[in-house]
C-alpha cells in the first residue's frame, strides 16, 4: 500500500517541486477565491492560473500513452 503525501504550498508561485511521481494531484479551493478576492489584474490572474496548473501537472507521473 502506498502512502499519501501532502504538500501545503502556494500554487502558482514556483514553489511546488516538479516530482513527476504523483498519480493524483488535488488542489484545494484556491483558484476561484484567489481570482475573486485577490488584487491581480485580469492578465495577471490568467497567468497565475496557468502557472498553478502547470505546477500541478509537473507533480504527475507521465503515462506511456501520453502525447508529448
PDB file of N, CA and C in Angstrom:
ATOM      1  N   UNK A   1       0.841  -1.173   0.000  1.00  0.00           N
ATOM      2  CA  UNK A   1       0.000   0.000   0.000  1.00  0.00           C
ATOM      3  C   UNK A   1       0.889   1.240   0.000  1.00  0.00           C
ATOM      4  N   UNK A   2       0.576   2.188  -0.837  1.00  0.00           N
ATOM      5  CA  UNK A   2       1.370   3.412  -0.954  1.00  0.00           C
ATOM      6  C   UNK A   2       0.810   4.480  -0.042  1.00  0.00           C
ATOM      7  N   UNK A   3       1.680   5.291   0.471  1.00  0.00           N
ATOM      8  CA  UNK A   3       1.286   6.382   1.348  1.00  0.00           C
ATOM      9  C   UNK A   3       0.766   7.572   0.548  1.00  0.00           C
ATOM     10  N   UNK A   4       0.022   8.400   1.216  1.00  0.00           N
ATOM     11  CA  UNK A   4      -0.440   9.646   0.627  1.00  0.00           C
ATOM     12  C   UNK A   4       0.419  10.759   1.196  1.00  0.00           C
ATOM     13  N   UNK A   5       1.097  11.465   0.331  1.00  0.00           N
ATOM     14  CA  UNK A   5       1.914  12.597   0.750  1.00  0.00           C
ATOM     15  C   UNK A   5       1.144  13.873   0.468  1.00  0.00           C
ATOM     16  N   UNK A   6       1.236  14.808   1.375  1.00  0.00           N
ATOM     17  CA  UNK A   6       0.573  16.085   1.161  1.00  0.00           C
ATOM     18  C   UNK A   6       1.607  17.201   1.074  1.00  0.00           C
ATOM     19  N   UNK A   7       1.284  18.197   0.307  1.00  0.00           N
ATOM     20  CA  UNK A   7       2.104  19.397   0.205  1.00  0.00           C
ATOM     21  C   UNK A   7       1.205  20.588   0.493  1.00  0.00           C
ATOM     22  N   UNK A   8       1.547  21.356   1.487  1.00  0.00           N
ATOM     23  CA  UNK A   8       0.796  22.574   1.784  1.00  0.00           C
ATOM     24  C   UNK A   8       1.666  23.742   1.329  1.00  0.00           C
ATOM     25  N   UNK A   9       1.553  24.050   0.043  1.00  0.00           N
ATOM     26  CA  UNK A   9       2.375  25.096  -0.551  1.00  0.00           C
ATOM     27  C   UNK A   9       1.518  25.938  -1.472  1.00  0.00           C
ATOM     28  N   UNK A  10       1.880  27.190  -1.647  1.00  0.00           N
ATOM     29  CA  UNK A  10       1.098  28.026  -2.559  1.00  0.00           C
ATOM     30  C   UNK A  10       1.323  27.628  -4.017  1.00  0.00           C
ATOM     31  N   UNK A  11       0.240  27.524  -4.737  1.00  0.00           N
ATOM     32  CA  UNK A  11       0.332  27.201  -6.160  1.00  0.00           C
ATOM     33  C   UNK A  11       0.585  28.467  -6.961  1.00  0.00           C
ATOM     34  N   UNK A  12       1.248  28.298  -8.088  1.00  0.00           N
ATOM     35  CA  UNK A  12       1.468  29.415  -8.995  1.00  0.00           C
ATOM     36  C   UNK A  12       2.590  30.342  -8.577  1.00  0.00           C
ATOM     37  N   UNK A  13       3.341  29.961  -7.550  1.00  0.00           N
ATOM     38  CA  UNK A  13       4.432  30.806  -7.058  1.00  0.00           C
ATOM     39  C   UNK A  13       5.806  30.199  -7.344  1.00  0.00           C
ATOM     40  N   UNK A  14       5.833  29.056  -8.067  1.00  0.00           N
ATOM     41  CA  UNK A  14       7.105  28.419  -8.397  1.00  0.00           C
ATOM     42  C   UNK A  14       7.706  27.640  -7.247  1.00  0.00           C
ATOM     43  N   UNK A  15       6.892  27.245  -6.263  1.00  0.00           N
ATOM     44  CA  UNK A  15       7.415  26.536  -5.097  1.00  0.00           C
ATOM     45  C   UNK A  15       7.078  25.052  -5.075  1.00  0.00           C
ATOM     46  N   UNK A  16       6.149  24.605  -5.923  1.00  0.00           N
ATOM     47  CA  UNK A  16       5.821  23.180  -5.951  1.00  0.00           C
ATOM     48  C   UNK A  16       6.921  22.422  -6.689  1.00  0.00           C
ATOM     49  N   UNK A  17       7.487  21.401  -6.062  1.00  0.00           N
ATOM     50  CA  UNK A  17       8.581  20.665  -6.708  1.00  0.00           C
ATOM     51  C   UNK A  17       8.060  19.783  -7.842  1.00  0.00           C
ATOM     52  N   UNK A  18       8.660  19.847  -9.021  1.00  0.00           N
ATOM     53  CA  UNK A  18       8.192  19.019 -10.149  1.00  0.00           C
ATOM     54  C   UNK A  18       8.652  17.576  -9.993  1.00  0.00           C
ATOM     55  N   UNK A  19       8.026  16.828  -9.106  1.00  0.00           N
ATOM     56  CA  UNK A  19       8.497  15.492  -8.749  1.00  0.00           C
ATOM     57  C   UNK A  19       8.158  14.413  -9.769  1.00  0.00           C
ATOM     58  N   UNK A  20       7.072  14.582 -10.505  1.00  0.00           N
ATOM     59  CA  UNK A  20       6.617  13.604 -11.510  1.00  0.00           C
ATOM     60  C   UNK A  20       6.365  12.213 -10.921  1.00  0.00           C
ATOM     61  N   UNK A  21       6.068  12.128  -9.612  1.00  0.00           N
ATOM     62  CA  UNK A  21       5.804  10.801  -9.057  1.00  0.00           C
ATOM     63  C   UNK A  21       4.391  10.660  -8.500  1.00  0.00           C
ATOM     64  N   UNK A  22       3.557  11.660  -8.638  1.00  0.00           N
ATOM     65  CA  UNK A  22       2.184  11.581  -8.143  1.00  0.00           C
ATOM     66  C   UNK A  22       1.274  10.964  -9.197  1.00  0.00           C
ATOM     67  N   UNK A  23       0.271  10.246  -8.734  1.00  0.00           N
ATOM     68  CA  UNK A  23      -0.744   9.718  -9.637  1.00  0.00           C
ATOM     69  C   UNK A  23      -1.982  10.607  -9.649  1.00  0.00           C
ATOM     70  N   UNK A  24      -2.163  11.347  -8.572  1.00  0.00           N
ATOM     71  CA  UNK A  24      -3.303  12.252  -8.445  1.00  0.00           C
ATOM     72  C   UNK A  24      -2.802  13.545  -7.823  1.00  0.00           C
ATOM     73  N   UNK A  25      -3.257  14.661  -8.329  1.00  0.00           N
ATOM     74  CA  UNK A  25      -2.968  15.958  -7.713  1.00  0.00           C
ATOM     75  C   UNK A  25      -4.308  16.623  -7.425  1.00  0.00           C
ATOM     76  N   UNK A  26      -4.511  17.014  -6.182  1.00  0.00           N
ATOM     77  CA  UNK A  26      -5.762  17.640  -5.779  1.00  0.00           C
ATOM     78  C   UNK A  26      -5.448  19.044  -5.279  1.00  0.00           C
ATOM     79  N   UNK A  27      -6.103  20.004  -5.855  1.00  0.00           N
ATOM     80  CA  UNK A  27      -5.966  21.387  -5.413  1.00  0.00           C
ATOM     81  C   UNK A  27      -7.141  21.689  -4.508  1.00  0.00           C
ATOM     82  N   UNK A  28      -6.875  22.327  -3.403  1.00  0.00           N
ATOM     83  CA  UNK A  28      -7.970  22.820  -2.573  1.00  0.00           C
ATOM     84  C   UNK A  28      -8.687  23.922  -3.335  1.00  0.00           C
ATOM     85  N   UNK A  29      -9.676  24.464  -2.757  1.00  0.00           N
ATOM     86  CA  UNK A  29     -10.455  25.520  -3.417  1.00  0.00           C
ATOM     87  C   UNK A  29      -9.671  26.823  -3.410  1.00  0.00           C
ATOM     88  N   UNK A  30      -8.628  26.868  -4.194  1.00  0.00           N
ATOM     89  CA  UNK A  30      -7.762  28.049  -4.190  1.00  0.00           C
ATOM     90  C   UNK A  30      -7.924  28.918  -5.424  1.00  0.00           C
ATOM     91  N   UNK A  31      -8.254  28.346  -6.536  1.00  0.00           N
ATOM     92  CA  UNK A  31      -8.258  29.120  -7.765  1.00  0.00           C
ATOM     93  C   UNK A  31      -9.282  30.247  -7.745  1.00  0.00           C
ATOM     94  N   UNK A  32     -10.535  29.935  -7.449  1.00  0.00           N
ATOM     95  CA  UNK A  32     -11.572  30.956  -7.515  1.00  0.00           C
ATOM     96  C   UNK A  32     -11.404  32.032  -6.446  1.00  0.00           C
ATOM     97  N   UNK A  33     -11.183  31.691  -5.158  1.00  0.00           N
ATOM     98  CA  UNK A  33     -11.026  32.769  -4.169  1.00  0.00           C
ATOM     99  C   UNK A  33      -9.850  33.702  -4.467  1.00  0.00           C
ATOM    100  N   UNK A  34      -8.755  33.146  -4.939  1.00  0.00           N
ATOM    101  CA  UNK A  34      -7.604  33.999  -5.244  1.00  0.00           C
ATOM    102  C   UNK A  34      -7.946  34.952  -6.380  1.00  0.00           C
ATOM    103  N   UNK A  35      -8.634  34.448  -7.383  1.00  0.00           N
ATOM    104  CA  UNK A  35      -9.002  35.309  -8.504  1.00  0.00           C
ATOM    105  C   UNK A  35     -10.065  36.328  -8.112  1.00  0.00           C
ATOM    106  N   UNK A  36     -11.027  35.898  -7.290  1.00  0.00           N
ATOM    107  CA  UNK A  36     -12.121  36.795  -6.927  1.00  0.00           C
ATOM    108  C   UNK A  36     -11.693  37.863  -5.918  1.00  0.00           C
ATOM    109  N   UNK A  37     -10.928  37.457  -4.920  1.00  0.00           N
ATOM    110  CA  UNK A  37     -10.600  38.375  -3.832  1.00  0.00           C
ATOM    111  C   UNK A  37      -9.174  38.912  -3.884  1.00  0.00           C
ATOM    112  N   UNK A  38      -8.387  38.417  -4.824  1.00  0.00           N
ATOM    113  CA  UNK A  38      -7.020  38.908  -4.953  1.00  0.00           C
ATOM    114  C   UNK A  38      -6.987  40.280  -5.603  1.00  0.00           C
ATOM    115  N   UNK A  39      -5.818  40.855  -5.651  1.00  0.00           N
ATOM    116  CA  UNK A  39      -5.688  42.196  -6.231  1.00  0.00           C
ATOM    117  C   UNK A  39      -4.969  42.163  -7.574  1.00  0.00           C
ATOM    118  N   UNK A  40      -5.134  41.050  -8.295  1.00  0.00           N
ATOM    119  CA  UNK A  40      -4.473  40.898  -9.587  1.00  0.00           C
ATOM    120  C   UNK A  40      -5.310  41.495 -10.711  1.00  0.00           C
ATOM    121  N   UNK A  41      -4.624  42.011 -11.701  1.00  0.00           N
ATOM    122  CA  UNK A  41      -5.291  42.404 -12.948  1.00  0.00           C
ATOM    123  C   UNK A  41      -5.702  41.126 -13.676  1.00  0.00           C
ATOM    124  N   UNK A  42      -6.603  41.247 -14.624  1.00  0.00           N
ATOM    125  CA  UNK A  42      -7.093  40.079 -15.361  1.00  0.00           C
ATOM    126  C   UNK A  42      -5.945  39.261 -15.960  1.00  0.00           C
ATOM    127  N   UNK A  43      -5.038  39.906 -16.648  1.00  0.00           N
ATOM    128  CA  UNK A  43      -3.919  39.196 -17.294  1.00  0.00           C
ATOM    129  C   UNK A  43      -3.035  38.509 -16.252  1.00  0.00           C
ATOM    130  N   UNK A  44      -2.825  39.146 -15.111  1.00  0.00           N
ATOM    131  CA  UNK A  44      -2.037  38.532 -14.046  1.00  0.00           C
ATOM    132  C   UNK A  44      -2.737  37.305 -13.487  1.00  0.00           C
ATOM    133  N   UNK A  45      -4.062  37.382 -13.350  1.00  0.00           N
ATOM    134  CA  UNK A  45      -4.838  36.243 -12.863  1.00  0.00           C
ATOM    135  C   UNK A  45      -4.774  35.062 -13.814  1.00  0.00           C
ATOM    136  N   UNK A  46      -4.888  35.337 -15.101  1.00  0.00           N
ATOM    137  CA  UNK A  46      -4.798  34.271 -16.100  1.00  0.00           C
ATOM    138  C   UNK A  46      -3.405  33.639 -16.070  1.00  0.00           C
ATOM    139  N   UNK A  47      -2.373  34.453 -15.945  1.00  0.00           N
ATOM    140  CA  UNK A  47      -1.001  33.935 -15.881  1.00  0.00           C
ATOM    141  C   UNK A  47      -0.799  33.101 -14.619  1.00  0.00           C
ATOM    142  N   UNK A  48      -1.388  33.525 -13.501  1.00  0.00           N
ATOM    143  CA  UNK A  48      -1.260  32.779 -12.251  1.00  0.00           C
ATOM    144  C   UNK A  48      -1.934  31.412 -12.369  1.00  0.00           C
ATOM    145  N   UNK A  49      -3.153  31.370 -12.932  1.00  0.00           N
ATOM    146  CA  UNK A  49      -3.843  30.091 -13.124  1.00  0.00           C
ATOM    147  C   UNK A  49      -3.012  29.185 -14.021  1.00  0.00           C
ATOM    148  N   UNK A  50      -2.441  29.722 -15.082  1.00  0.00           N
ATOM    149  CA  UNK A  50      -1.601  28.937 -15.985  1.00  0.00           C
ATOM    150  C   UNK A  50      -0.413  28.337 -15.232  1.00  0.00           C
ATOM    151  N   UNK A  51       0.257  29.147 -14.416  1.00  0.00           N
ATOM    152  CA  UNK A  51       1.400  28.648 -13.633  1.00  0.00           C
ATOM    153  C   UNK A  51       0.962  27.595 -12.621  1.00  0.00           C
ATOM    154  N   UNK A  52      -0.152  27.834 -11.943  1.00  0.00           N
ATOM    155  CA  UNK A  52      -0.635  26.899 -10.930  1.00  0.00           C
ATOM    156  C   UNK A  52      -0.961  25.540 -11.546  1.00  0.00           C
ATOM    157  N   UNK A  53      -1.641  25.543 -12.672  1.00  0.00           N
ATOM    158  CA  UNK A  53      -1.995  24.282 -13.332  1.00  0.00           C
ATOM    159  C   UNK A  53      -0.758  23.588 -13.907  1.00  0.00           C
ATOM    160  N   UNK A  54       0.200  24.353 -14.404  1.00  0.00           N
ATOM    161  CA  UNK A  54       1.446  23.755 -14.905  1.00  0.00           C
ATOM    162  C   UNK A  54       2.219  23.106 -13.758  1.00  0.00           C
ATOM    163  N   UNK A  55       2.222  23.751 -12.581  1.00  0.00           N
ATOM    164  CA  UNK A  55       2.895  23.161 -11.426  1.00  0.00           C
ATOM    165  C   UNK A  55       2.204  21.866 -11.006  1.00  0.00           C
ATOM    166  N   UNK A  56       0.863  21.852 -11.022  1.00  0.00           N
ATOM    167  CA  UNK A  56       0.127  20.631 -10.671  1.00  0.00           C
ATOM    168  C   UNK A  56       0.441  19.518 -11.657  1.00  0.00           C
ATOM    169  N   UNK A  57       0.484  19.836 -12.938  1.00  0.00           N
ATOM    170  CA  UNK A  57       0.796  18.831 -13.960  1.00  0.00           C
ATOM    171  C   UNK A  57       2.216  18.293 -13.786  1.00  0.00           C
ATOM    172  N   UNK A  58       3.135  19.131 -13.314  1.00  0.00           N
ATOM    173  CA  UNK A  58       4.525  18.703 -13.123  1.00  0.00           C
ATOM    174  C   UNK A  58       4.671  17.733 -11.954  1.00  0.00           C
ATOM    175  N   UNK A  59       3.666  17.651 -11.103  1.00  0.00           N
ATOM    176  CA  UNK A  59       3.697  16.691 -10.000  1.00  0.00           C
ATOM    177  C   UNK A  59       3.324  15.288 -10.463  1.00  0.00           C
ATOM    178  N   UNK A  60       2.623  15.193 -11.586  1.00  0.00           N
ATOM    179  CA  UNK A  60       2.039  13.922 -12.021  1.00  0.00           C
ATOM    180  C   UNK A  60       3.002  13.065 -12.831  1.00  0.00           C
ATOM    181  N   UNK A  61       2.829  11.748 -12.674  1.00  0.00           N
ATOM    182  CA  UNK A  61       3.573  10.800 -13.493  1.00  0.00           C
ATOM    183  C   UNK A  61       3.087  10.912 -14.925  1.00  0.00           C
ATOM    184  N   UNK A  62       3.968  10.628 -15.846  1.00  0.00           N
ATOM    185  CA  UNK A  62       3.547  10.606 -17.254  1.00  0.00           C
ATOM    186  C   UNK A  62       3.189   9.187 -17.637  1.00  0.00           C
ATOM    187  N   UNK A  63       2.086   9.061 -18.282  1.00  0.00           N
ATOM    188  CA  UNK A  63       1.644   7.773 -18.769  1.00  0.00           C
ATOM    189  C   UNK A  63       2.417   7.436 -20.043  1.00  0.00           C
ATOM    190  N   UNK A  64       2.683   6.160 -20.284  1.00  0.00           N
ATOM    191  CA  UNK A  64       3.347   5.800 -21.541  1.00  0.00           C
ATOM    192  C   UNK A  64       2.557   6.224 -22.775  1.00  0.00           C
ATOM    193  N   UNK A  65       1.217   6.378 -22.630  1.00  0.00           N
ATOM    194  CA  UNK A  65       0.401   6.771 -23.777  1.00  0.00           C
ATOM    195  C   UNK A  65       0.302   8.279 -23.933  1.00  0.00           C
ATOM    196  N   UNK A  66       0.917   9.035 -23.038  1.00  0.00           N
ATOM    197  CA  UNK A  66       0.811  10.486 -23.101  1.00  0.00           C
ATOM    198  C   UNK A  66       1.434  11.014 -24.377  1.00  0.00           C
ATOM    199  N   UNK A  67       0.705  11.872 -25.051  1.00  0.00           N
ATOM    200  CA  UNK A  67       1.216  12.514 -26.251  1.00  0.00           C
ATOM    201  C   UNK A  67       2.139  13.637 -25.807  1.00  0.00           C
ATOM    202  N   UNK A  68       3.326  13.663 -26.312  1.00  0.00           N
ATOM    203  CA  UNK A  68       4.302  14.684 -25.923  1.00  0.00           C
ATOM    204  C   UNK A  68       4.126  15.931 -26.732  1.00  0.00           C
TER     205      UNK A  68
END
